[in-house]
PDB file of N, CA and C in Angstrom:
ATOM      1  N   MET A   1      30.940 -17.047  17.849  1.00  0.00           N
ATOM      2  CA  MET A   1      30.108 -17.489  17.830  1.00  0.00           C
ATOM      3  C   MET A   1      28.514 -17.361  17.024  1.00  0.00           C
ATOM      4  N   ALA A   2      28.261 -17.977  16.643  1.00  0.00           N
ATOM      5  CA  ALA A   2      27.294 -17.825  15.892  1.00  0.00           C
ATOM      6  C   ALA A   2      25.931 -16.657  16.025  1.00  0.00           C
ATOM      7  N   ALA A   3      25.515 -16.030  15.632  1.00  0.00           N
ATOM      8  CA  ALA A   3      24.029 -15.493  15.620  1.00  0.00           C
ATOM      9  C   ALA A   3      23.452 -16.432  15.682  1.00  0.00           C
ATOM     10  N   GLU A   4      22.022 -16.260  16.406  1.00  0.00           N
ATOM     11  CA  GLU A   4      21.016 -16.816  16.413  1.00  0.00           C
ATOM     12  C   GLU A   4      20.335 -16.251  16.056  1.00  0.00           C
ATOM     13  N   PRO A   5      19.048 -17.461  15.311  1.00  0.00           N
ATOM     14  CA  PRO A   5      18.063 -16.978  14.852  1.00  0.00           C
ATOM     15  C   PRO A   5      17.350 -16.211  15.214  1.00  0.00           C
ATOM     16  N   VAL A   6      16.869 -15.004  14.110  1.00  0.00           N
ATOM     17  CA  VAL A   6      15.427 -14.144  15.037  1.00  0.00           C
ATOM     18  C   VAL A   6      14.090 -14.852  14.429  1.00  0.00           C
ATOM     19  N   HIS A   7      13.685 -14.741  15.592  1.00  0.00           N
ATOM     20  CA  HIS A   7      12.260 -15.508  15.643  1.00  0.00           C
ATOM     21  C   HIS A   7      10.960 -14.540  15.369  1.00  0.00           C
ATOM     22  N   HIS A   8      10.179 -13.993  14.403  1.00  0.00           N
ATOM     23  CA  HIS A   8       9.253 -13.129  14.304  1.00  0.00           C
ATOM     24  C   HIS A   8       7.826 -14.043  14.375  1.00  0.00           C
ATOM     25  N   GLU A   9       6.957 -13.668  15.054  1.00  0.00           N
ATOM     26  CA  GLU A   9       5.214 -14.688  15.451  1.00  0.00           C
ATOM     27  C   GLU A   9       4.727 -14.213  13.895  1.00  0.00           C
ATOM     28  N   ALA A  10       4.825 -14.321  12.869  1.00  0.00           N
ATOM     29  CA  ALA A  10       3.791 -13.978  11.813  1.00  0.00           C
ATOM     30  C   ALA A  10       2.611 -13.348  12.350  1.00  0.00           C
ATOM     31  N   GLN A  11       2.312 -12.148  11.985  1.00  0.00           N
ATOM     32  CA  GLN A  11       0.761 -11.619  12.246  1.00  0.00           C
ATOM     33  C   GLN A  11       0.044 -11.920  10.997  1.00  0.00           C
ATOM     34  N   ASP A  12      -1.240 -11.982  11.820  1.00  0.00           N
ATOM     35  CA  ASP A  12      -2.288 -12.817  10.828  1.00  0.00           C
ATOM     36  C   ASP A  12      -2.983 -11.558  10.677  1.00  0.00           C
ATOM     37  N   PRO A  13      -3.004 -11.372   9.300  1.00  0.00           N
ATOM     38  CA  PRO A  13      -3.654  -9.710   8.656  1.00  0.00           C
ATOM     39  C   PRO A  13      -5.771 -10.100   8.894  1.00  0.00           C
ATOM     40  N   ARG A  14      -5.793 -11.009   9.281  1.00  0.00           N
ATOM     41  CA  ARG A  14      -7.394 -11.052   9.774  1.00  0.00           C
ATOM     42  C   ARG A  14      -7.650 -10.894  10.895  1.00  0.00           C
ATOM     43  N   ASP A  15      -6.303 -10.955  11.929  1.00  0.00           N
ATOM     44  CA  ASP A  15      -6.624 -10.646  13.242  1.00  0.00           C
ATOM     45  C   ASP A  15      -7.429  -9.181  13.686  1.00  0.00           C
ATOM     46  N   PRO A  16      -8.220  -9.086  14.318  1.00  0.00           N
ATOM     47  CA  PRO A  16      -9.159  -7.505  14.810  1.00  0.00           C
ATOM     48  C   PRO A  16      -8.062  -6.862  15.037  1.00  0.00           C
ATOM     49  N   GLU A  17      -7.093  -6.980  16.321  1.00  0.00           N
ATOM     50  CA  GLU A  17      -6.232  -6.100  16.419  1.00  0.00           C
ATOM     51  C   GLU A  17      -5.238  -5.615  15.555  1.00  0.00           C
ATOM     52  N   TRP A  18      -4.698  -6.035  15.013  1.00  0.00           N
ATOM     53  CA  TRP A  18      -3.603  -6.228  13.855  1.00  0.00           C
ATOM     54  C   TRP A  18      -4.883  -4.906  13.153  1.00  0.00           C
ATOM     55  N   ILE A  19      -5.909  -5.076  12.725  1.00  0.00           N
ATOM     56  CA  ILE A  19      -6.925  -4.701  11.482  1.00  0.00           C
ATOM     57  C   ILE A  19      -7.225  -3.062  12.230  1.00  0.00           C
ATOM     58  N   LEU A  20      -7.758  -3.350  13.306  1.00  0.00           N
ATOM     59  CA  LEU A  20      -7.549  -1.895  14.445  1.00  0.00           C
ATOM     60  C   LEU A  20      -6.851  -0.572  14.079  1.00  0.00           C
ATOM     61  N   ALA A  21      -5.214  -1.151  14.407  1.00  0.00           N
ATOM     62  CA  ALA A  21      -4.082  -0.656  14.557  1.00  0.00           C
ATOM     63  C   ALA A  21      -3.951  -0.280  12.956  1.00  0.00           C
ATOM     64  N   MET A  22      -4.197  -0.973  12.468  1.00  0.00           N
ATOM     65  CA  MET A  22      -3.618  -0.589  10.760  1.00  0.00           C
ATOM     66  C   MET A  22      -5.075   0.561  10.256  1.00  0.00           C
ATOM     67  N   LEU A  23      -5.806   0.381  10.537  1.00  0.00           N
ATOM     68  CA  LEU A  23      -6.773   1.652   9.642  1.00  0.00           C
ATOM     69  C   LEU A  23      -6.678   2.616  10.814  1.00  0.00           C
ATOM     70  N   PRO A  24      -7.232   3.814   9.773  1.00  0.00           N
ATOM     71  CA  PRO A  24      -7.091   5.212  10.449  1.00  0.00           C
ATOM     72  C   PRO A  24      -8.549   5.275  11.172  1.00  0.00           C
ATOM     73  N   ALA A  25      -8.272   6.227  12.043  1.00  0.00           N
ATOM     74  CA  ALA A  25      -9.713   6.313  13.100  1.00  0.00           C
ATOM     75  C   ALA A  25     -10.560   6.675  12.455  1.00  0.00           C
ATOM     76  N   GLN A  26     -11.236   6.906  11.800  1.00  0.00           N
ATOM     77  CA  GLN A  26     -12.793   6.911  11.029  1.00  0.00           C
ATOM     78  C   GLN A  26     -13.175   5.638  10.822  1.00  0.00           C
ATOM     79  N   ALA A  27     -11.552   5.129  10.014  1.00  0.00           N
ATOM     80  CA  ALA A  27     -12.436   3.675   9.408  1.00  0.00           C
ATOM     81  C   ALA A  27     -12.340   2.529  10.186  1.00  0.00           C
ATOM     82  N   GLY A  28     -11.515   2.906  11.800  1.00  0.00           N
ATOM     83  CA  GLY A  28     -11.944   1.881  12.827  1.00  0.00           C
ATOM     84  C   GLY A  28     -12.874   1.587  13.323  1.00  0.00           C
ATOM     85  N   GLU A  29     -13.894   3.241  13.516  1.00  0.00           N
ATOM     86  CA  GLU A  29     -15.168   3.226  14.349  1.00  0.00           C
ATOM     87  C   GLU A  29     -15.816   2.064  13.486  1.00  0.00           C
ATOM     88  N   ALA A  30     -15.769   2.299  11.515  1.00  0.00           N
ATOM     89  CA  ALA A  30     -16.643   1.366  10.956  1.00  0.00           C
ATOM     90  C   ALA A  30     -16.550  -0.299  10.885  1.00  0.00           C
ATOM     91  N   PHE A  31     -14.727   0.243  11.348  1.00  0.00           N
ATOM     92  CA  PHE A  31     -14.909  -1.692  11.833  1.00  0.00           C
ATOM     93  C   PHE A  31     -15.040  -2.285  11.966  1.00  0.00           C
ATOM     94  N   LEU A  32     -15.338  -1.618  13.420  1.00  0.00           N
ATOM     95  CA  LEU A  32     -15.877  -2.045  15.191  1.00  0.00           C
ATOM     96  C   LEU A  32     -17.149  -2.336  15.143  1.00  0.00           C
ATOM     97  N   ALA A  33     -17.690  -1.054  14.264  1.00  0.00           N
ATOM     98  CA  ALA A  33     -18.968  -1.768  14.404  1.00  0.00           C
ATOM     99  C   ALA A  33     -19.809  -2.715  13.322  1.00  0.00           C
ATOM    100  N   ASP A  34     -19.360  -2.960  12.335  1.00  0.00           N
ATOM    101  CA  ASP A  34     -19.088  -4.457  11.366  1.00  0.00           C
ATOM    102  C   ASP A  34     -18.914  -5.542  12.160  1.00  0.00           C
ATOM    103  N   TYR A  35     -17.290  -5.677  12.643  1.00  0.00           N
ATOM    104  CA  TYR A  35     -17.510  -6.826  13.650  1.00  0.00           C
ATOM    105  C   TYR A  35     -18.342  -7.187  14.830  1.00  0.00           C
ATOM    106  N   GLN A  36     -18.286  -6.079  15.400  1.00  0.00           N
ATOM    107  CA  GLN A  36     -19.625  -6.816  16.544  1.00  0.00           C
ATOM    108  C   GLN A  36     -20.505  -7.184  15.866  1.00  0.00           C
ATOM    109  N   ALA A  37     -21.088  -6.699  14.913  1.00  0.00           N
ATOM    110  CA  ALA A  37     -22.549  -7.471  13.666  1.00  0.00           C
ATOM    111  C   ALA A  37     -21.657  -9.118  13.860  1.00  0.00           C
ATOM    112  N   ALA A  38     -21.059  -8.698  13.248  1.00  0.00           N
ATOM    113  CA  ALA A  38     -20.759 -10.227  12.692  1.00  0.00           C
ATOM    114  C   ALA A  38     -20.340 -11.070  13.833  1.00  0.00           C
ATOM    115  N   VAL A  39     -19.515 -10.676  15.038  1.00  0.00           N
ATOM    116  CA  VAL A  39     -19.009 -11.842  15.690  1.00  0.00           C
ATOM    117  C   VAL A  39     -20.525 -12.080  16.844  1.00  0.00           C
ATOM    118  N   ASP A  40     -21.809 -11.149  16.882  1.00  0.00           N
ATOM    119  CA  ASP A  40     -22.652 -11.556  16.925  1.00  0.00           C
ATOM    120  C   ASP A  40     -23.090 -12.940  16.151  1.00  0.00           C
ATOM    121  N   ALA A  41     -23.283 -12.162  15.169  1.00  0.00           N
ATOM    122  CA  ALA A  41     -24.301 -13.424  14.060  1.00  0.00           C
ATOM    123  C   ALA A  41     -23.447 -14.949  14.428  1.00  0.00           C
ATOM    124  N   ALA A  42     -22.062 -14.683  14.367  1.00  0.00           N
ATOM    125  CA  ALA A  42     -20.863 -15.748  14.710  1.00  0.00           C
ATOM    126  C   ALA A  42     -21.630 -17.050  15.674  1.00  0.00           C
ATOM    127  N   HIS A  43     -22.455 -16.216  16.948  1.00  0.00           N
ATOM    128  CA  HIS A  43     -23.044 -17.289  17.582  1.00  0.00           C
ATOM    129  C   HIS A  43     -23.792 -18.609  17.054  1.00  0.00           C
ATOM    130  N   GLN A  44     -24.159 -18.088  15.824  1.00  0.00           N
ATOM    131  CA  GLN A  44     -24.941 -19.290  14.938  1.00  0.00           C
ATOM    132  C   GLN A  44     -23.545 -19.825  13.974  1.00  0.00           C
ATOM    133  N   VAL A  45     -24.271 -21.209  13.761  1.00  0.00           N
ATOM    134  CA  VAL A  45     -22.993 -21.718  12.899  1.00  0.00           C
ATOM    135  C   VAL A  45     -23.004 -21.085  11.760  1.00  0.00           C
ATOM    136  N   SER A  46     -24.156 -20.587  11.276  1.00  0.00           N
ATOM    137  CA  SER A  46     -23.913 -19.984   9.772  1.00  0.00           C
ATOM    138  C   SER A  46     -23.139 -18.527   9.524  1.00  0.00           C
ATOM    139  N   GLY A  47     -23.410 -18.146  10.943  1.00  0.00           N
ATOM    140  CA  GLY A  47     -22.747 -17.032  11.285  1.00  0.00           C
ATOM    141  C   GLY A  47     -21.243 -16.682  11.059  1.00  0.00           C
ATOM    142  N   CYS A  48     -20.677 -17.882  11.135  1.00  0.00           N
ATOM    143  CA  CYS A  48     -19.210 -18.281  11.239  1.00  0.00           C
ATOM    144  C   CYS A  48     -18.086 -17.767  10.077  1.00  0.00           C
ATOM    145  N   ARG A  49     -18.653 -18.392   8.905  1.00  0.00           N
ATOM    146  CA  ARG A  49     -18.704 -17.478   7.839  1.00  0.00           C
ATOM    147  C   ARG A  49     -18.431 -16.314   7.594  1.00  0.00           C
ATOM    148  N   GLN A  50     -19.973 -15.869   7.859  1.00  0.00           N
ATOM    149  CA  GLN A  50     -19.591 -13.978   7.357  1.00  0.00           C
ATOM    150  C   GLN A  50     -18.333 -13.654   8.728  1.00  0.00           C
ATOM    151  N   LEU A  51     -18.316 -14.003   9.367  1.00  0.00           N
ATOM    152  CA  LEU A  51     -17.408 -13.142  10.443  1.00  0.00           C
ATOM    153  C   LEU A  51     -15.797 -13.470   9.893  1.00  0.00           C
ATOM    154  N   GLN A  52     -15.452 -14.649   9.373  1.00  0.00           N
ATOM    155  CA  GLN A  52     -14.274 -14.811   8.317  1.00  0.00           C
ATOM    156  C   GLN A  52     -13.969 -13.671   7.443  1.00  0.00           C
ATOM    157  N   GLU A  53     -14.723 -13.745   6.790  1.00  0.00           N
ATOM    158  CA  GLU A  53     -15.078 -12.826   5.376  1.00  0.00           C
ATOM    159  C   GLU A  53     -14.940 -11.471   5.875  1.00  0.00           C
ATOM    160  N   LEU A  54     -16.003 -11.264   6.669  1.00  0.00           N
ATOM    161  CA  LEU A  54     -15.674  -9.526   7.172  1.00  0.00           C
ATOM    162  C   LEU A  54     -13.808  -9.757   7.491  1.00  0.00           C
ATOM    163  N   LEU A  55     -12.919 -10.435   8.369  1.00  0.00           N
ATOM    164  CA  LEU A  55     -12.196  -9.957   8.641  1.00  0.00           C
ATOM    165  C   LEU A  55     -11.343 -10.070   7.457  1.00  0.00           C
ATOM    166  N   GLN A  56     -11.104 -10.724   6.377  1.00  0.00           N
ATOM    167  CA  GLN A  56     -10.517 -11.118   5.147  1.00  0.00           C
ATOM    168  C   GLN A  56     -10.879  -9.475   4.383  1.00  0.00           C
ATOM    169  N   SER A  57     -12.018  -9.178   4.433  1.00  0.00           N
ATOM    170  CA  SER A  57     -12.094  -7.885   3.738  1.00  0.00           C
ATOM    171  C   SER A  57     -11.825  -6.698   4.444  1.00  0.00           C
ATOM    172  N   TRP A  58     -11.344  -6.420   5.453  1.00  0.00           N
ATOM    173  CA  TRP A  58     -11.303  -5.491   6.548  1.00  0.00           C
ATOM    174  C   TRP A  58      -9.896  -5.795   6.200  1.00  0.00           C
ATOM    175  N   SER A  59      -8.919  -6.691   6.268  1.00  0.00           N
ATOM    176  CA  SER A  59      -7.900  -6.973   6.556  1.00  0.00           C
ATOM    177  C   SER A  59      -7.060  -6.281   4.973  1.00  0.00           C
ATOM    178  N   VAL A  60      -7.989  -6.437   3.683  1.00  0.00           N
ATOM    179  CA  VAL A  60      -7.820  -5.835   2.633  1.00  0.00           C
ATOM    180  C   VAL A  60      -7.611  -4.445   2.516  1.00  0.00           C
ATOM    181  N   ARG A  61      -8.800  -3.863   3.205  1.00  0.00           N
ATOM    182  CA  ARG A  61      -8.604  -2.137   3.498  1.00  0.00           C
ATOM    183  C   ARG A  61      -7.784  -2.182   4.130  1.00  0.00           C
ATOM    184  N   ALA A  62      -7.778  -2.460   5.497  1.00  0.00           N
ATOM    185  CA  ALA A  62      -6.850  -1.864   6.157  1.00  0.00           C
ATOM    186  C   ALA A  62      -5.112  -1.688   5.375  1.00  0.00           C
ATOM    187  N   VAL A  63      -4.907  -2.438   4.687  1.00  0.00           N
ATOM    188  CA  VAL A  63      -3.590  -2.401   3.847  1.00  0.00           C
ATOM    189  C   VAL A  63      -3.773  -1.541   3.115  1.00  0.00           C
ATOM    190  N   ALA A  64      -5.256  -1.360   2.376  1.00  0.00           N
ATOM    191  CA  ALA A  64      -5.213  -0.426   1.043  1.00  0.00           C
ATOM    192  C   ALA A  64      -4.784   1.251   2.133  1.00  0.00           C
ATOM    193  N   TYR A  65      -5.973   1.229   2.570  1.00  0.00           N
ATOM    194  CA  TYR A  65      -5.967   2.712   3.310  1.00  0.00           C
ATOM    195  C   TYR A  65      -4.824   2.862   4.076  1.00  0.00           C
ATOM    196  N   SER A  66      -3.809   2.290   4.850  1.00  0.00           N
ATOM    197  CA  SER A  66      -2.769   2.510   5.133  1.00  0.00           C
ATOM    198  C   SER A  66      -1.995   3.203   4.500  1.00  0.00           C
ATOM    199  N   SER A  67      -1.949   2.611   2.987  1.00  0.00           N
ATOM    200  CA  SER A  67      -1.121   2.666   1.983  1.00  0.00           C
ATOM    201  C   SER A  67      -0.740   4.408   1.634  1.00  0.00           C
ATOM    202  N   PRO A  68       0.518   5.209   1.702  1.00  0.00           N
ATOM    203  CA  PRO A  68       0.511   6.690   1.205  1.00  0.00           C
ATOM    204  C   PRO A  68      -0.056   6.704   0.013  1.00  0.00           C
ATOM    205  N   GLY A  69      -1.081   8.256   0.181  1.00  0.00           N
ATOM    206  CA  GLY A  69      -1.855   8.810  -0.817  1.00  0.00           C
ATOM    207  C   GLY A  69      -2.907   7.727  -1.383  1.00  0.00           C
ATOM    208  N   PHE A  70      -3.691   6.728   0.002  1.00  0.00           N
ATOM    209  CA  PHE A  70      -4.524   5.560  -0.557  1.00  0.00           C
ATOM    210  C   PHE A  70      -5.994   7.205  -0.725  1.00  0.00           C
ATOM    211  N   PHE A  71      -6.434   7.728   0.209  1.00  0.00           N
ATOM    212  CA  PHE A  71      -7.404   8.816   0.170  1.00  0.00           C
ATOM    213  C   PHE A  71      -7.497   9.485  -0.666  1.00  0.00           C
ATOM    214  N   GLU A  72      -5.964  10.507  -0.714  1.00  0.00           N
ATOM    215  CA  GLU A  72      -5.859  10.820  -2.313  1.00  0.00           C
ATOM    216  C   GLU A  72      -5.913  10.742  -3.620  1.00  0.00           C
ATOM    217  N   HIS A  73      -5.780   9.492  -3.602  1.00  0.00           N
ATOM    218  CA  HIS A  73      -6.036   8.965  -5.165  1.00  0.00           C
ATOM    219  C   HIS A  73      -7.184   8.483  -5.132  1.00  0.00           C
ATOM    220  N   ARG A  74      -7.814   7.940  -4.094  1.00  0.00           N
ATOM    221  CA  ARG A  74      -9.420   7.905  -4.190  1.00  0.00           C
ATOM    222  C   ARG A  74     -10.320   9.138  -4.468  1.00  0.00           C
ATOM    223  N   ALA A  75     -10.035  10.272  -3.726  1.00  0.00           N
ATOM    224  CA  ALA A  75     -11.028  11.460  -3.960  1.00  0.00           C
ATOM    225  C   ALA A  75     -10.559  12.033  -5.302  1.00  0.00           C
ATOM    226  N   ASP A  76      -9.232  11.487  -6.232  1.00  0.00           N
ATOM    227  CA  ASP A  76      -8.950  12.169  -7.532  1.00  0.00           C
ATOM    228  C   ASP A  76      -9.923  11.224  -8.273  1.00  0.00           C
ATOM    229  N   ALA A  77      -9.735   9.614  -8.141  1.00  0.00           N
ATOM    230  CA  ALA A  77     -10.788   8.670  -8.883  1.00  0.00           C
ATOM    231  C   ALA A  77     -12.521   8.839  -9.118  1.00  0.00           C
ATOM    232  N   ARG A  78     -12.797   9.509  -8.035  1.00  0.00           N
ATOM    233  CA  ARG A  78     -14.093   9.926  -7.727  1.00  0.00           C
ATOM    234  C   ARG A  78     -14.612  11.164  -8.167  1.00  0.00           C
ATOM    235  N   ASN A  79     -13.382  11.968  -8.457  1.00  0.00           N
ATOM    236  CA  ASN A  79     -13.639  13.130  -9.343  1.00  0.00           C
ATOM    237  C   ASN A  79     -12.743  13.549 -10.008  1.00  0.00           C
ATOM    238  N   PRO A  80     -12.708  12.612 -11.146  1.00  0.00           N
ATOM    239  CA  PRO A  80     -11.486  13.142 -12.239  1.00  0.00           C
ATOM    240  C   PRO A  80     -12.146  14.430 -12.676  1.00  0.00           C
ATOM    241  N   GLN A  81     -10.859  14.792 -13.140  1.00  0.00           N
ATOM    242  CA  GLN A  81     -10.118  16.145 -13.956  1.00  0.00           C
ATOM    243  C   GLN A  81     -10.735  16.208 -15.256  1.00  0.00           C
ATOM    244  N   PRO A  82     -10.836  16.472 -16.326  1.00  0.00           N
ATOM    245  CA  PRO A  82     -10.779  16.631 -17.914  1.00  0.00           C
ATOM    246  C   PRO A  82      -9.305  16.469 -18.207  1.00  0.00           C
ATOM    247  N   GLY A  83      -9.386  15.200 -18.897  1.00  0.00           N
ATOM    248  CA  GLY A  83      -7.745  15.071 -19.733  1.00  0.00           C
ATOM    249  C   GLY A  83      -7.759  13.899 -19.063  1.00  0.00           C
ATOM    250  N   GLN A  84      -8.180  13.995 -17.801  1.00  0.00           N
ATOM    251  CA  GLN A  84      -7.343  12.646 -16.475  1.00  0.00           C
ATOM    252  C   GLN A  84      -7.317  11.470 -16.820  1.00  0.00           C
ATOM    253  N   TRP A  85      -8.278  11.039 -17.953  1.00  0.00           N
ATOM    254  CA  TRP A  85      -8.109   9.350 -18.151  1.00  0.00           C
ATOM    255  C   TRP A  85      -8.526   9.219 -19.449  1.00  0.00           C
ATOM    256  N   LEU A  86      -7.664   7.887 -20.095  1.00  0.00           N
ATOM    257  CA  LEU A  86      -7.501   7.926 -21.312  1.00  0.00           C
ATOM    258  C   LEU A  86      -8.321   7.074 -22.079  1.00  0.00           C
ATOM    259  N   ALA A  87      -8.973   7.030 -22.883  1.00  0.00           N
ATOM    260  CA  ALA A  87     -10.098   6.680 -23.559  1.00  0.00           C
ATOM    261  C   ALA A  87      -9.893   5.656 -23.861  1.00  0.00           C
ATOM    262  N   ALA A  88     -10.663   4.499 -23.479  1.00  0.00           N
ATOM    263  CA  ALA A  88     -11.152   2.743 -24.026  1.00  0.00           C
ATOM    264  C   ALA A  88     -10.351   2.163 -25.521  1.00  0.00           C
ATOM    265  N   GLU A  89     -10.769   3.169 -26.046  1.00  0.00           N
ATOM    266  CA  GLU A  89      -9.410   2.623 -27.752  1.00  0.00           C
ATOM    267  C   GLU A  89      -8.399   3.001 -27.583  1.00  0.00           C
ATOM    268  N   ASP A  90      -7.763   4.004 -26.847  1.00  0.00           N
ATOM    269  CA  ASP A  90      -6.475   4.280 -26.889  1.00  0.00           C
ATOM    270  C   ASP A  90      -5.834   3.309 -25.679  1.00  0.00           C
ATOM    271  N   VAL A  91      -6.707   2.372 -25.329  1.00  0.00           N
ATOM    272  CA  VAL A  91      -5.797   0.894 -24.652  1.00  0.00           C
ATOM    273  C   VAL A  91      -5.764  -0.446 -24.951  1.00  0.00           C
ATOM    274  N   ILE A  92      -7.511  -0.551 -25.464  1.00  0.00           N
ATOM    275  CA  ILE A  92      -8.014  -1.477 -25.844  1.00  0.00           C
ATOM    276  C   ILE A  92      -7.873  -1.982 -26.999  1.00  0.00           C
ATOM    277  N   PRO A  93      -6.848  -2.735 -27.522  1.00  0.00           N
ATOM    278  CA  PRO A  93      -6.788  -3.273 -28.959  1.00  0.00           C
ATOM    279  C   PRO A  93      -8.083  -3.408 -29.441  1.00  0.00           C
ATOM    280  N   GLY A  94      -8.053  -3.055 -30.216  1.00  0.00           N
ATOM    281  CA  GLY A  94      -9.484  -3.348 -31.176  1.00  0.00           C
ATOM    282  C   GLY A  94     -11.069  -2.751 -30.816  1.00  0.00           C
ATOM    283  N   TRP A  95     -10.851  -2.041 -29.322  1.00  0.00           N
ATOM    284  CA  TRP A  95     -11.946  -1.640 -28.749  1.00  0.00           C
ATOM    285  C   TRP A  95     -13.041  -1.353 -30.050  1.00  0.00           C
ATOM    286  N   ALA A  96     -12.788  -0.539 -30.848  1.00  0.00           N
ATOM    287  CA  ALA A  96     -13.933   0.108 -31.135  1.00  0.00           C
ATOM    288  C   ALA A  96     -14.823  -0.813 -32.305  1.00  0.00           C
ATOM    289  N   ASP A  97     -13.616  -2.053 -32.464  1.00  0.00           N
ATOM    290  CA  ASP A  97     -14.510  -3.213 -33.594  1.00  0.00           C
ATOM    291  C   ASP A  97     -15.165  -4.214 -32.641  1.00  0.00           C
ATOM    292  N   ARG A  98     -15.279  -4.190 -30.828  1.00  0.00           N
ATOM    293  CA  ARG A  98     -15.329  -5.037 -30.011  1.00  0.00           C
ATOM    294  C   ARG A  98     -16.936  -4.340 -29.837  1.00  0.00           C
ATOM    295  N   LEU A  99     -16.714  -2.760 -29.856  1.00  0.00           N
ATOM    296  CA  LEU A  99     -17.856  -2.319 -29.174  1.00  0.00           C
ATOM    297  C   LEU A  99     -19.415  -2.234 -30.495  1.00  0.00           C
ATOM    298  N   LYS A 100     -18.849  -2.052 -31.845  1.00  0.00           N
ATOM    299  CA  LYS A 100     -19.573  -2.611 -32.649  1.00  0.00           C
ATOM    300  C   LYS A 100     -20.051  -3.757 -32.693  1.00  0.00           C
ATOM    301  N   GLN A 101     -19.144  -5.044 -32.046  1.00  0.00           N
ATOM    302  CA  GLN A 101     -20.201  -6.486 -32.457  1.00  0.00           C
ATOM    303  C   GLN A 101     -21.430  -6.261 -31.084  1.00  0.00           C
ATOM    304  N   ALA A 102     -20.835  -5.726 -30.253  1.00  0.00           N
ATOM    305  CA  ALA A 102     -21.587  -5.533 -28.978  1.00  0.00           C
ATOM    306  C   ALA A 102     -23.039  -5.230 -28.880  1.00  0.00           C
ATOM    307  N   LEU A 103     -22.663  -4.059 -29.861  1.00  0.00           N
ATOM    308  CA  LEU A 103     -24.196  -3.079 -29.973  1.00  0.00           C
ATOM    309  C   LEU A 103     -25.029  -3.584 -31.446  1.00  0.00           C
TER     310      LEU A 103
END
């Protein structure tokens, strides 16, 4: 007997329920406030695009926020420790020459 294929419904990452389920509680509150404002604006034809863009933006944030260590990495980036960053000239070929040309 052959196995039957398993069909999974693809989850639309712009689905507000999916976004809300992916977000931590504190971000969920901000999403709901933004979402409600965009839904209100979408009652006008011109506001429909705003709602689509909001869902796309929050979808990307939901994936990022649910990544392990995201908030710790974000805090580290906002408060770098001495020696944590590389100098541009160490990672960008010809940086010193580019800088001279720009000035």
